[in-house]
N, C-alpha and C. Protein backbone atom coordinates (compact mmCIF):
# COMPACT_ATOMS: atom_id res chain seq x y z
N MET A 1 292.83 27.45 125.27
CA MET A 1 292.26 26.81 126.44
C MET A 1 290.84 27.29 126.72
N ARG A 2 290.55 28.54 126.37
CA ARG A 2 289.23 29.07 126.67
C ARG A 2 288.15 28.35 125.88
N GLY A 3 288.43 28.03 124.62
CA GLY A 3 287.47 27.30 123.80
C GLY A 3 287.20 25.91 124.34
N MET A 4 288.26 25.26 124.84
CA MET A 4 288.08 23.93 125.41
C MET A 4 287.23 23.99 126.68
N ALA A 5 287.45 25.00 127.49
CA ALA A 5 286.67 25.16 128.71
C ALA A 5 285.20 25.40 128.38
N GLU A 6 284.95 26.22 127.37
CA GLU A 6 283.57 26.49 126.97
C GLU A 6 282.91 25.23 126.41
N GLY A 7 283.65 24.46 125.64
CA GLY A 7 283.12 23.20 125.11
C GLY A 7 282.79 22.21 126.20
N LEU A 8 283.66 22.10 127.20
CA LEU A 8 283.38 21.20 128.32
C LEU A 8 282.18 21.67 129.13
N LYS A 9 282.03 22.97 129.27
CA LYS A 9 280.87 23.51 129.99
C LYS A 9 279.58 23.15 129.25
N LEU A 10 279.58 23.34 127.94
CA LEU A 10 278.38 23.01 127.15
C LEU A 10 278.08 21.52 127.20
N ALA A 11 279.11 20.70 127.11
CA ALA A 11 278.91 19.25 127.16
C ALA A 11 278.36 18.82 128.51
N SER A 12 278.87 19.42 129.59
CA SER A 12 278.38 19.04 130.91
C SER A 12 276.96 19.53 131.14
N GLU A 13 276.60 20.69 130.61
CA GLU A 13 275.22 21.16 130.73
C GLU A 13 274.27 20.26 129.95
N PHE A 14 274.70 19.83 128.78
CA PHE A 14 273.87 18.93 127.97
C PHE A 14 273.68 17.59 128.68
N ALA A 15 274.78 17.03 129.19
CA ALA A 15 274.71 15.75 129.89
C ALA A 15 273.89 15.86 131.17
N ALA A 16 274.02 16.98 131.87
CA ALA A 16 273.26 17.16 133.11
C ALA A 16 271.76 17.18 132.84
N GLY A 17 271.34 17.80 131.77
CA GLY A 17 269.92 17.82 131.43
C GLY A 17 269.39 16.42 131.20
N ILE A 18 270.16 15.60 130.49
CA ILE A 18 269.73 14.23 130.22
C ILE A 18 269.72 13.40 131.50
N ILE A 19 270.74 13.56 132.34
CA ILE A 19 270.82 12.79 133.59
C ILE A 19 269.69 13.17 134.54
N VAL A 20 269.43 14.46 134.67
CA VAL A 20 268.34 14.89 135.56
C VAL A 20 266.99 14.39 135.03
N GLY A 21 266.77 14.51 133.73
CA GLY A 21 265.53 14.00 133.15
C GLY A 21 265.38 12.51 133.35
N GLY A 22 266.45 11.76 133.15
CA GLY A 22 266.41 10.31 133.37
C GLY A 22 266.16 9.96 134.82
N GLY A 23 266.77 10.72 135.73
CA GLY A 23 266.55 10.47 137.16
C GLY A 23 265.11 10.72 137.57
N ILE A 24 264.54 11.80 137.09
CA ILE A 24 263.14 12.10 137.40
C ILE A 24 262.23 11.02 136.81
N GLY A 25 262.48 10.63 135.58
CA GLY A 25 261.69 9.57 134.95
C GLY A 25 261.80 8.26 135.69
N PHE A 26 263.00 7.92 136.15
CA PHE A 26 263.20 6.68 136.90
C PHE A 26 262.41 6.71 138.20
N LEU A 27 262.46 7.84 138.91
CA LEU A 27 261.72 7.95 140.18
C LEU A 27 260.21 7.88 139.95
N ILE A 28 259.73 8.49 138.89
CA ILE A 28 258.30 8.43 138.58
C ILE A 28 257.91 6.99 138.24
N ASP A 29 258.75 6.29 137.49
CA ASP A 29 258.47 4.89 137.18
C ASP A 29 258.40 4.03 138.44
N ARG A 30 259.32 4.26 139.36
CA ARG A 30 259.35 3.46 140.59
C ARG A 30 258.14 3.74 141.47
N THR A 31 257.74 5.00 141.58
CA THR A 31 256.63 5.33 142.47
C THR A 31 255.27 5.04 141.84
N ALA A 32 255.13 5.26 140.54
CA ALA A 32 253.84 5.08 139.89
C ALA A 32 253.68 3.70 139.26
N GLY A 33 254.78 2.97 139.11
CA GLY A 33 254.72 1.65 138.52
C GLY A 33 254.35 1.65 137.04
N ILE A 34 254.82 2.64 136.31
CA ILE A 34 254.48 2.75 134.89
C ILE A 34 255.69 2.53 133.98
N ALA A 35 256.67 1.80 134.48
CA ALA A 35 257.92 1.60 133.73
C ALA A 35 257.64 1.06 132.34
N PRO A 36 258.33 1.46 131.37
CA PRO A 36 259.41 2.42 131.22
C PRO A 36 258.96 3.77 130.68
N PHE A 37 257.66 4.06 130.75
CA PHE A 37 257.14 5.26 130.08
C PHE A 37 257.63 6.56 130.71
N GLY A 38 257.70 6.64 132.02
CA GLY A 38 258.21 7.85 132.66
C GLY A 38 259.65 8.12 132.30
N LEU A 39 260.45 7.06 132.28
CA LEU A 39 261.87 7.21 131.93
C LEU A 39 262.02 7.69 130.50
N ILE A 40 261.27 7.11 129.59
CA ILE A 40 261.36 7.51 128.18
C ILE A 40 260.95 8.96 127.99
N VAL A 41 259.82 9.34 128.58
CA VAL A 41 259.31 10.70 128.42
C VAL A 41 260.27 11.72 129.03
N PHE A 42 260.75 11.45 130.24
CA PHE A 42 261.62 12.43 130.89
C PHE A 42 263.03 12.43 130.32
N LEU A 43 263.47 11.34 129.72
CA LEU A 43 264.74 11.40 128.99
C LEU A 43 264.62 12.33 127.79
N MET A 44 263.46 12.29 127.12
CA MET A 44 263.25 13.21 126.00
C MET A 44 263.19 14.66 126.49
N PHE A 45 262.52 14.89 127.64
CA PHE A 45 262.49 16.24 128.21
C PHE A 45 263.90 16.70 128.58
N GLY A 46 264.70 15.81 129.16
CA GLY A 46 266.08 16.15 129.51
C GLY A 46 266.92 16.45 128.28
N PHE A 47 266.72 15.69 127.22
CA PHE A 47 267.43 15.93 125.97
C PHE A 47 267.06 17.30 125.41
N ALA A 48 265.76 17.61 125.42
CA ALA A 48 265.30 18.91 124.92
C ALA A 48 265.84 20.05 125.78
N ALA A 49 265.86 19.86 127.10
CA ALA A 49 266.40 20.89 127.98
C ALA A 49 267.90 21.09 127.75
N GLY A 50 268.62 20.01 127.52
CA GLY A 50 270.05 20.12 127.23
C GLY A 50 270.31 20.87 125.94
N ILE A 51 269.55 20.57 124.90
CA ILE A 51 269.70 21.28 123.63
C ILE A 51 269.34 22.75 123.81
N ARG A 52 268.29 23.03 124.56
CA ARG A 52 267.88 24.42 124.80
C ARG A 52 268.99 25.19 125.52
N ASN A 53 269.61 24.58 126.52
CA ASN A 53 270.69 25.24 127.23
C ASN A 53 271.87 25.54 126.31
N VAL A 54 272.23 24.59 125.48
CA VAL A 54 273.36 24.78 124.56
C VAL A 54 273.03 25.87 123.55
N LEU A 55 271.84 25.82 122.96
CA LEU A 55 271.47 26.84 121.97
C LEU A 55 271.38 28.23 122.60
N ARG A 56 270.89 28.30 123.83
CA ARG A 56 270.81 29.60 124.50
C ARG A 56 272.20 30.17 124.73
N HIS A 57 273.16 29.29 125.00
CA HIS A 57 274.52 29.76 125.26
C HIS A 57 275.24 30.19 123.99
N VAL A 58 275.03 29.49 122.89
CA VAL A 58 275.79 29.79 121.67
C VAL A 58 275.10 30.80 120.76
N SER A 59 273.83 31.11 120.99
CA SER A 59 273.14 32.07 120.13
C SER A 59 273.61 33.48 120.46
N PRO A 60 273.64 34.37 119.46
CA PRO A 60 274.09 35.74 119.71
C PRO A 60 273.12 36.46 120.64
N LYS A 61 273.68 37.25 121.50
CA LYS A 61 272.88 38.01 122.45
C LYS A 61 272.40 39.30 121.80
N PRO A 62 271.11 39.64 121.93
CA PRO A 62 270.64 40.91 121.37
C PRO A 62 271.22 42.08 122.16
N PRO A 63 271.48 43.20 121.51
CA PRO A 63 272.02 44.35 122.24
C PRO A 63 270.99 44.86 123.24
N THR A 64 271.48 45.29 124.39
CA THR A 64 270.57 45.80 125.40
C THR A 64 270.14 47.21 125.02
N ALA A 65 268.91 47.52 125.30
CA ALA A 65 268.38 48.85 124.99
C ALA A 65 268.94 49.86 125.98
N ALA A 66 269.29 51.03 125.46
CA ALA A 66 269.80 52.09 126.32
C ALA A 66 268.65 52.65 127.14
N PRO A 67 268.91 52.99 128.38
CA PRO A 67 267.85 53.62 129.18
C PRO A 67 267.37 54.91 128.52
N GLN A 68 266.15 55.27 128.73
CA GLN A 68 265.56 56.44 128.08
C GLN A 68 266.29 57.72 128.47
N ALA A 69 266.72 57.84 129.72
CA ALA A 69 267.41 59.06 130.15
C ALA A 69 268.72 59.24 129.38
N THR A 70 269.44 58.16 129.15
CA THR A 70 270.70 58.25 128.40
C THR A 70 270.44 58.65 126.95
N ALA A 71 269.41 58.09 126.36
CA ALA A 71 269.08 58.42 124.97
C ALA A 71 268.67 59.89 124.86
N ASP A 72 267.90 60.39 125.82
CA ASP A 72 267.51 61.80 125.81
C ASP A 72 268.72 62.71 125.97
N ALA A 73 269.65 62.34 126.83
CA ALA A 73 270.85 63.15 127.04
C ALA A 73 271.71 63.19 125.78
N GLU A 74 271.81 62.08 125.07
CA GLU A 74 272.59 62.06 123.84
C GLU A 74 271.95 62.93 122.77
N ARG A 75 270.62 62.93 122.69
CA ARG A 75 269.94 63.77 121.70
C ARG A 75 270.13 65.25 122.03
N ALA A 76 270.16 65.59 123.31
CA ALA A 76 270.31 66.99 123.71
C ALA A 76 271.72 67.50 123.38
N GLU A 77 272.73 66.61 123.42
CA GLU A 77 274.10 67.02 123.16
C GLU A 77 274.39 67.21 121.67
N LYS A 78 273.67 66.54 120.80
CA LYS A 78 273.92 66.63 119.36
C LYS A 78 273.35 67.93 118.82
N PRO A 79 274.16 68.66 118.04
CA PRO A 79 273.62 69.89 117.43
C PRO A 79 272.67 69.54 116.29
N ARG A 80 271.68 70.38 116.12
CA ARG A 80 270.69 70.16 115.06
C ARG A 80 271.21 70.76 113.75
N ASN A 81 270.90 70.11 112.67
CA ASN A 81 271.26 70.61 111.34
C ASN A 81 270.06 71.34 110.77
N SER A 82 269.94 72.65 111.05
CA SER A 82 268.81 73.38 110.50
C SER A 82 269.23 74.54 109.66
């Protein structure tokens, strides 16, 4: 079930990006009278934003760097081989 929930989340984020982009493009077309160019451009922006959200979610996360104080404490605890 967890995989299905994650898939639905990704699909809804992708669709939301396209819908928001289309909505913004539609409003720009109505106010500026440049139909259909605003809709086309912002649908592409929405598509790109949706892909970016999905890729950001599925890409591996880099390990977080340990704080300097913790790294110094670990070095102090290790015996030296001299």
